[in-house]
Amino acid sequence: MVHPFDAIVFDPRDVDLSRGPLARQLGVETYCLGAFNPGMTRLPNGNLLLMVRIAEALRQPIFDQHIHAIRWEGGRYLLDAWPLEMVDTADPRKFRMHSGGWKVMALTSLSWLLPVELAADGKRVIDVHYDQAVAPRAPYQCYGVEDARISRVGGRWLMTTCSVSPERHSTTLYTSDDARDWHLEGIVLDHQNKDMLIFEGRPGGKYWAQTRPLGDLYFAYPPGSEWRAGPSINLATSPDALHWKPFESPGIRPHAGTLATARMGGGTPPVPTDRGWLTLWHGVEPSGVVGVYRTYWSLLDAADPSVVVGGSHTPVLEPSTALTQPFKDLMYVTDVVFTTGIADAGDHFVVASGEADLACRITHVSKSAFGLG
């Protein structure tokens, strides 16, 4: 699919870590591993705001016969050292412990969120607001804050993030009256429930959200079913955006007829249209270690968002090696586009994505691509 505008607007070369929250605290060199997966919303002044995930990594995680992880504790950042014989260091971004009967790992980076202000059309950076960065501030965020998604409901902005700690990999909620100053409300979904997207509206007077609980076990659909067992996009409702009850009907599920969406998860907060709620989501085709990530779309019924009324097996966005060519020496994964934000711009939508877990991609997508006027 050809788009009138499709470009990288922010990448690791644009990040000044000397102005970030970890600056001068660790005593060792760090670098920006990725500036990606940006939540997006429109500011009161008409410009667009990206909340960019900055993965700040140790330049040399292994020294003195130990591998090191960054951890926040009590308002400061620390290095934890693990003897090399206790871990598997095959992946330079993380390491796995040789212990227990389950998977235990740690990261050689820590993520925080950097507000980047774009022009109204999303084509250029206006300002980078280091003074308003969102960084760990609670024990359940000691290993970082990841992957913001932003919704405006009424006159209030709601931002969900993933918060990482040894106790849980949880979803946390921030709120704001201006999309500038964010207040941490706390945990709203518990362990390994990722990609929480709050609808930009209140069907039936309730808050609705897409969720995606993860696990190691899924039960099979009957033979001949149109659905494939595995991670899917579920739904939940809430009276106040803080206390969530899972919705009993399923949401968007992987189709048995295609491997391209064998694994899936939420992408952009559902937005209202004259045909129902438009939601963009990622489908993952099994391939290699990571898989191939593409962006797809669905339309959900205006009154009952568990009913899918439209969509396509043809992706809206695919990974683009042409866009990452100027900084290919920085890449550590390929074949990934991870869409995380959407804003109305008249006859088209401005769509924000993370490209290759590395940079921020902005794409103008015509409303006609979704059958909308």
Protein backbone atom coordinates (compact mmCIF):
# COMPACT_ATOMS: atom_id res chain seq x y z
CA MET A 1 0.00 0.00 0.00
CA VAL A 2 1.41 3.39 -1.06
CA HIS A 3 1.07 6.30 1.38
CA PRO A 4 1.45 10.03 0.62
CA PHE A 5 3.84 10.47 3.56
CA ASP A 6 5.86 7.71 5.18
CA ALA A 7 9.10 8.58 6.97
CA ILE A 8 11.28 8.17 10.05
CA VAL A 9 10.92 11.35 12.12
CA PHE A 10 12.93 10.48 15.25
CA ASP A 11 15.69 7.94 15.87
CA PRO A 12 18.49 7.23 18.41
CA ARG A 13 20.78 9.82 16.81
CA ASP A 14 18.30 12.50 17.90
CA VAL A 15 18.47 11.61 21.62
CA ASP A 16 20.68 13.55 24.05
CA LEU A 17 21.16 11.19 26.99
CA SER A 18 23.03 13.89 28.93
CA ARG A 19 19.60 15.49 29.42
CA GLY A 20 17.85 12.26 30.38
CA PRO A 21 16.93 10.86 33.82
CA LEU A 22 19.92 8.45 34.04
CA ALA A 23 22.54 11.10 33.22
CA ARG A 24 25.69 10.97 35.37
CA GLN A 25 24.25 8.38 37.78
CA LEU A 26 25.79 5.06 36.77
CA GLY A 27 29.45 5.90 36.34
CA VAL A 28 29.62 3.87 33.10
CA GLU A 29 28.85 4.74 29.48
CA THR A 30 25.33 4.23 28.13
CA TYR A 31 23.87 4.68 24.67
CA CYS A 32 20.43 4.87 23.06
CA LEU A 33 19.63 1.36 21.87
CA GLY A 34 16.27 2.49 20.50
CA ALA A 35 13.88 5.45 20.33
CA PHE A 36 10.68 3.72 19.30
CA ASN A 37 7.06 2.58 19.94
CA PRO A 38 5.70 6.10 20.49
CA GLY A 39 2.32 6.72 22.03
CA MET A 40 0.72 9.67 20.24
CA THR A 41 -1.97 12.27 20.84
CA ARG A 42 -2.93 15.72 19.65
CA LEU A 43 -2.04 18.53 22.05
CA PRO A 44 -4.34 21.44 22.88
CA ASN A 45 -2.17 23.68 20.63
CA GLY A 46 -2.87 21.41 17.64
CA ASN A 47 0.59 19.86 17.46
CA LEU A 48 1.17 16.14 17.93
CA LEU A 49 2.89 14.65 20.96
CA LEU A 50 4.94 11.47 20.80
CA MET A 51 5.80 9.70 24.04
CA VAL A 52 8.87 7.86 22.74
CA ARG A 53 10.25 4.79 24.45
CA ILE A 54 13.97 5.37 25.03
CA ALA A 55 15.84 2.13 25.67
CA GLU A 56 19.04 3.30 27.37
CA ALA A 57 21.60 0.51 27.35
CA LEU A 58 24.99 -0.19 28.84
CA ARG A 59 27.74 0.25 26.25
CA GLN A 60 29.77 -2.55 27.88
CA PRO A 61 27.43 -4.70 30.00
CA ILE A 62 30.11 -7.33 30.65
CA PHE A 63 33.14 -6.44 32.75
CA ASP A 64 34.96 -7.91 35.76
CA GLN A 65 33.60 -11.38 34.85
CA HIS A 66 30.04 -10.18 35.48
CA ILE A 67 27.12 -9.03 33.34
CA HIS A 68 25.27 -5.96 34.57
CA ALA A 69 21.66 -4.77 34.65
CA ILE A 70 20.31 -1.26 35.34
CA ARG A 71 17.78 -0.93 38.15
CA TRP A 72 15.96 2.01 39.77
CA GLU A 73 15.64 2.07 43.55
CA GLY A 74 14.58 4.87 45.87
CA GLY A 75 15.10 7.69 43.39
CA ARG A 76 18.47 6.58 41.97
CA TYR A 77 19.79 4.19 39.33
CA LEU A 78 22.06 1.28 40.23
CA LEU A 79 24.04 -1.47 38.50
CA ASP A 80 23.44 -5.08 39.50
CA ALA A 81 26.27 -7.55 38.74
CA TRP A 82 25.64 -11.21 37.92
CA PRO A 83 28.47 -13.78 37.58
CA LEU A 84 28.77 -14.94 33.98
CA GLU A 85 28.49 -18.61 34.95
CA MET A 86 24.95 -17.96 36.23
CA VAL A 87 23.54 -16.60 32.96
CA ASP A 88 23.11 -17.12 29.23
CA THR A 89 24.47 -14.06 27.37
CA ALA A 90 23.66 -15.07 23.78
CA ASP A 91 21.44 -11.98 23.32
CA PRO A 92 23.35 -8.72 24.02
CA ARG A 93 20.09 -6.91 24.95
CA LYS A 94 19.19 -9.25 27.80
CA PHE A 95 20.39 -12.30 29.68
CA ARG A 96 18.68 -15.39 30.99
CA MET A 97 19.32 -16.99 34.37
CA HIS A 98 20.39 -20.63 34.71
CA SER A 99 18.03 -21.30 37.60
CA GLY A 100 14.54 -22.49 38.43
CA GLY A 101 12.09 -24.36 36.28
CA TRP A 102 10.82 -21.25 34.53
CA LYS A 103 12.14 -18.41 32.41
CA VAL A 104 13.92 -15.66 34.39
CA MET A 105 15.77 -12.87 32.61
CA ALA A 106 17.19 -9.40 33.13
CA LEU A 107 17.90 -6.49 30.78
CA THR A 108 21.09 -4.64 29.95
CA SER A 109 18.96 -1.55 29.25
CA LEU A 110 16.27 0.47 31.03
CA SER A 111 13.40 2.24 29.25
CA TRP A 112 11.89 5.64 29.95
CA LEU A 113 9.52 7.90 27.98
CA LEU A 114 10.61 11.07 26.18
CA PRO A 115 7.99 13.63 25.05
CA VAL A 116 8.68 14.71 21.46
CA GLU A 117 6.47 17.45 19.99
CA LEU A 118 5.76 17.28 16.26
CA ALA A 119 4.11 19.70 13.87
CA ALA A 120 0.37 19.21 13.39
CA ASP A 121 0.95 17.05 10.31
CA GLY A 122 3.59 14.94 12.08
CA LYS A 123 6.27 15.63 9.48
CA ARG A 124 8.87 17.42 11.61
CA VAL A 125 10.03 17.77 15.20
CA ILE A 126 9.12 21.05 16.93
CA ASP A 127 10.66 20.39 20.35
CA VAL A 128 11.95 17.64 22.65
CA HIS A 129 10.81 18.03 26.26
CA TYR A 130 13.46 16.35 28.41
CA ASP A 131 12.15 18.13 31.51
CA GLN A 132 8.83 16.27 31.17
CA ALA A 133 10.27 12.77 30.70
CA VAL A 134 8.42 9.89 32.37
CA ALA A 135 10.82 7.61 34.24
CA PRO A 136 10.56 4.97 37.01
CA ARG A 137 9.23 6.30 40.30
CA ALA A 138 7.71 3.22 41.98
CA PRO A 139 9.16 -0.20 42.94
CA TYR A 140 7.01 -1.96 40.31
CA GLN A 141 8.87 0.09 37.66
CA CYS A 142 12.40 -0.68 38.80
CA TYR A 143 13.41 -2.14 35.41
CA GLY A 144 11.72 0.52 33.32
CA VAL A 145 8.62 2.10 31.79
CA GLU A 146 7.77 0.91 28.27
CA ASP A 147 5.44 1.37 25.28
CA ALA A 148 3.03 4.21 26.01
CA ARG A 149 -0.45 4.32 24.45
CA ILE A 150 -2.42 7.57 24.82
CA SER A 151 -6.18 8.13 24.61
CA ARG A 152 -8.20 11.29 25.08
CA VAL A 153 -11.56 10.63 26.72
CA GLY A 154 -13.62 13.74 27.24
CA GLY A 155 -11.28 16.46 28.44
CA ARG A 156 -8.73 14.11 30.02
CA TRP A 157 -5.76 12.21 28.63
CA LEU A 158 -5.15 8.60 29.72
CA MET A 159 -1.77 6.96 29.09
CA THR A 160 -1.13 3.27 29.66
CA THR A 161 2.40 1.89 29.93
CA CYS A 162 4.11 -1.40 30.74
CA SER A 163 6.02 -1.28 34.02
CA VAL A 164 8.70 -3.90 34.64
CA SER A 165 9.93 -5.37 37.95
CA PRO A 166 10.80 -8.78 39.43
CA GLU A 167 7.34 -9.02 41.01
CA ARG A 168 5.26 -8.29 37.92
CA HIS A 169 5.18 -7.09 34.32
CA SER A 170 2.14 -4.88 34.77
CA THR A 171 0.11 -2.21 33.00
CA THR A 172 0.14 1.18 34.70
CA LEU A 173 -2.01 4.24 34.10
CA TYR A 174 -1.03 7.90 33.93
CA THR A 175 -3.54 10.74 33.63
CA SER A 176 -3.20 14.36 32.53
CA ASP A 177 -5.34 17.44 31.97
CA ASP A 178 -3.04 18.81 29.25
CA ALA A 179 -0.95 15.86 27.94
CA ARG A 180 2.12 17.62 29.39
CA ASP A 181 2.17 16.85 33.12
CA TRP A 182 1.41 13.20 33.84
CA HIS A 183 0.16 11.80 37.16
CA LEU A 184 0.91 8.15 37.95
CA GLU A 185 -2.33 6.48 39.06
CA GLY A 186 -0.73 3.06 39.64
CA ILE A 187 -1.23 -0.50 38.41
CA VAL A 188 -4.49 -1.20 36.57
CA LEU A 189 -3.76 -4.63 35.05
CA ASP A 190 -1.53 -7.22 36.63
CA HIS A 191 1.08 -9.66 35.45
CA GLN A 192 1.94 -9.78 31.73
CA ASN A 193 -1.20 -8.14 30.43
CA LYS A 194 0.25 -5.98 27.64
CA ASP A 195 -0.94 -3.62 24.92
CA MET A 196 -3.77 -2.02 26.91
CA LEU A 197 -5.60 0.48 24.69
CA ILE A 198 -8.37 2.65 26.10
CA PHE A 199 -11.14 3.59 23.67
CA GLU A 200 -11.39 7.30 22.80
CA GLY A 201 -15.00 7.42 23.94
CA ARG A 202 -17.36 5.62 26.32
CA PRO A 203 -19.70 3.11 24.65
CA GLY A 204 -22.72 2.63 26.89
CA GLY A 205 -21.34 5.15 29.37
CA LYS A 206 -18.40 2.91 30.36
CA TYR A 207 -14.68 3.04 29.75
CA TRP A 208 -13.63 0.27 27.38
CA ALA A 209 -10.16 -1.09 26.71
CA GLN A 210 -8.43 -3.68 24.61
CA THR A 211 -6.09 -5.96 26.57
CA ARG A 212 -3.80 -8.88 25.82
CA PRO A 213 -3.01 -11.28 28.66
CA LEU A 214 -0.07 -13.53 27.89
CA GLY A 215 0.64 -17.08 28.96
CA ASP A 216 2.44 -20.30 28.09
CA LEU A 217 -0.73 -22.33 27.58
CA TYR A 218 -3.68 -21.87 25.20
CA PHE A 219 -6.54 -24.33 24.60
CA ALA A 220 -7.40 -25.45 21.08
CA TYR A 221 -10.42 -24.38 19.09
CA PRO A 222 -12.46 -27.27 17.65
CA PRO A 223 -11.30 -28.84 14.37
CA GLY A 224 -12.38 -26.75 11.40
CA SER A 225 -12.78 -23.55 13.43
CA GLU A 226 -12.06 -20.25 11.69
CA TRP A 227 -9.94 -19.23 14.69
CA ARG A 228 -6.39 -20.12 15.73
CA ALA A 229 -5.45 -20.61 19.40
CA GLY A 230 -2.91 -18.18 20.81
CA PRO A 231 -2.52 -14.58 22.00
CA SER A 232 -5.53 -12.46 21.04
CA ILE A 233 -6.97 -9.02 21.72
CA ASN A 234 -9.44 -9.16 24.60
CA LEU A 235 -11.73 -6.49 26.06
CA ALA A 236 -12.41 -5.03 29.48
CA THR A 237 -14.76 -2.37 30.89
CA SER A 238 -14.48 0.03 33.79
CA PRO A 239 -16.59 2.66 35.57
CA ASP A 240 -13.59 4.91 36.27
CA ALA A 241 -10.61 3.77 34.11
CA LEU A 242 -8.94 2.41 37.26
CA HIS A 243 -10.88 -0.79 38.07
CA TRP A 244 -11.25 -3.12 35.09
CA LYS A 245 -13.49 -6.16 34.55
CA PRO A 246 -12.73 -8.54 31.67
CA PHE A 247 -15.51 -8.58 29.06
CA GLU A 248 -16.93 -12.06 28.58
CA SER A 249 -17.18 -12.09 24.78
CA PRO A 250 -13.92 -12.45 22.81
CA GLY A 251 -12.45 -9.54 20.93
CA ILE A 252 -10.16 -9.83 17.88
CA ARG A 253 -8.77 -13.34 17.38
CA PRO A 254 -6.16 -14.87 15.05
CA HIS A 255 -7.71 -16.34 11.91
CA ALA A 256 -6.93 -19.98 11.15
CA GLY A 257 -6.70 -19.14 7.44
CA THR A 258 -3.46 -17.15 7.65
CA LEU A 259 -0.15 -17.50 9.46
CA ALA A 260 0.56 -13.78 9.01
CA THR A 261 -1.46 -13.01 12.15
CA ALA A 262 -0.71 -16.17 14.11
CA ARG A 263 0.19 -13.93 17.05
CA MET A 264 -1.45 -10.55 17.55
CA GLY A 265 -1.72 -7.61 19.90
CA GLY A 266 -3.23 -4.16 20.13
CA GLY A 267 -1.73 -1.20 18.32
CA THR A 268 -3.65 2.09 18.40
CA PRO A 269 -6.42 3.15 20.78
CA PRO A 270 -9.79 2.57 19.08
CA VAL A 271 -11.15 5.83 17.65
CA PRO A 272 -14.76 6.58 16.66
CA THR A 273 -15.80 6.74 13.00
CA ASP A 274 -19.16 6.81 11.21
CA ARG A 275 -18.84 3.01 10.76
CA GLY A 276 -17.80 2.10 14.30
CA TRP A 277 -14.52 1.98 16.21
CA LEU A 278 -11.37 1.86 14.09
CA THR A 279 -8.48 -0.03 15.66
CA LEU A 280 -5.05 -0.81 14.21
CA TRP A 281 -3.23 -3.86 15.58
CA HIS A 282 -0.11 -5.90 14.94
CA GLY A 283 -0.04 -9.40 13.50
CA VAL A 284 3.11 -11.50 13.76
CA GLU A 285 4.06 -14.14 11.22
CA PRO A 286 6.37 -16.79 12.70
CA SER A 287 9.85 -16.39 11.20
CA GLY A 288 13.24 -16.69 12.89
CA VAL A 289 13.54 -15.54 16.49
CA VAL A 290 11.35 -12.42 16.40
CA GLY A 291 8.90 -12.99 13.53
CA VAL A 292 7.58 -10.50 10.98
CA TYR A 293 5.41 -7.73 12.45
CA ARG A 294 2.83 -5.99 10.24
CA THR A 295 -0.06 -3.60 10.95
CA TYR A 296 -3.68 -4.60 10.25
CA TRP A 297 -7.03 -2.97 10.97
CA SER A 298 -10.52 -3.80 12.20
CA LEU A 299 -13.77 -1.90 12.61
CA LEU A 300 -15.74 -2.68 15.77
CA ASP A 301 -19.45 -2.14 16.32
CA ALA A 302 -20.21 1.27 17.82
CA ALA A 303 -22.45 -0.09 20.58
CA ASP A 304 -20.81 -3.50 21.18
CA PRO A 305 -17.04 -3.40 20.48
CA SER A 306 -16.79 -7.19 20.78
CA VAL A 307 -18.47 -7.42 17.35
CA VAL A 308 -16.07 -6.99 14.41
CA VAL A 309 -17.87 -5.35 11.49
CA GLY A 310 -14.97 -4.81 9.09
CA GLY A 311 -11.30 -5.40 8.42
CA SER A 312 -8.82 -6.95 6.01
CA HIS A 313 -6.10 -9.59 5.82
CA THR A 314 -4.08 -7.10 3.76
CA PRO A 315 -1.66 -5.14 5.98
CA VAL A 316 -1.85 -1.36 6.21
CA LEU A 317 1.85 -1.12 7.04
CA GLU A 318 4.79 -3.46 6.53
CA PRO A 319 8.39 -3.18 7.72
CA SER A 320 10.46 -0.93 5.46
CA THR A 321 14.18 -1.50 4.92
CA ALA A 322 14.26 1.65 2.76
CA LEU A 323 13.32 3.81 5.75
CA THR A 324 16.00 2.33 8.02
CA GLN A 325 18.76 2.29 5.40
CA PRO A 326 20.34 5.60 6.62
CA PHE A 327 21.09 4.04 10.02
CA LYS A 328 21.27 0.35 9.22
CA ASP A 329 24.48 0.08 11.29
CA LEU A 330 22.37 0.69 14.43
CA MET A 331 19.88 -2.10 13.74
CA TYR A 332 19.64 -5.21 15.90
CA VAL A 333 16.28 -6.60 14.65
CA THR A 334 14.54 -6.47 11.29
CA ASP A 335 11.04 -7.06 9.89
CA VAL A 336 9.21 -5.17 12.63
CA VAL A 337 6.69 -2.35 12.37
CA PHE A 338 4.80 -1.84 15.63
CA THR A 339 2.00 0.72 15.35
CA THR A 340 1.19 2.61 18.55
CA GLY A 341 -0.66 5.88 17.82
CA ILE A 342 -3.29 7.48 15.59
CA ALA A 343 -4.63 11.01 15.10
CA ASP A 344 -7.39 12.33 12.82
CA ALA A 345 -6.20 14.76 10.14
CA GLY A 346 -9.30 15.32 8.00
CA ASP A 347 -9.20 13.06 4.94
CA HIS A 348 -6.45 10.88 6.43
CA PHE A 349 -5.04 9.60 9.70
CA VAL A 350 -1.56 10.33 11.03
CA VAL A 351 -0.26 6.95 12.22
CA ALA A 352 2.74 6.55 14.53
CA SER A 353 4.78 3.34 14.69
CA GLY A 354 8.00 1.94 16.03
CA GLU A 355 10.20 0.72 13.17
CA ALA A 356 12.63 -2.17 13.81
CA ASP A 357 12.48 -1.53 17.60
CA LEU A 358 14.72 1.40 16.76
CA ALA A 359 13.00 4.55 15.47
CA CYS A 360 9.72 6.45 15.18
CA ARG A 361 7.86 6.20 11.88
CA ILE A 362 5.03 8.54 10.85
CA THR A 363 2.67 7.53 8.03
CA HIS A 364 -0.29 9.35 6.50
CA VAL A 365 -2.98 6.75 5.75
CA SER A 366 -6.01 7.75 3.69
CA LYS A 367 -9.36 7.08 5.33
CA SER A 368 -10.37 5.33 2.13
CA ALA A 369 -7.97 2.51 3.08
CA PHE A 370 -10.47 1.62 5.80
CA GLY A 371 -13.58 2.23 3.71
CA LEU A 372 -14.20 5.54 5.45
CA GLY A 373 -15.19 8.84 3.86
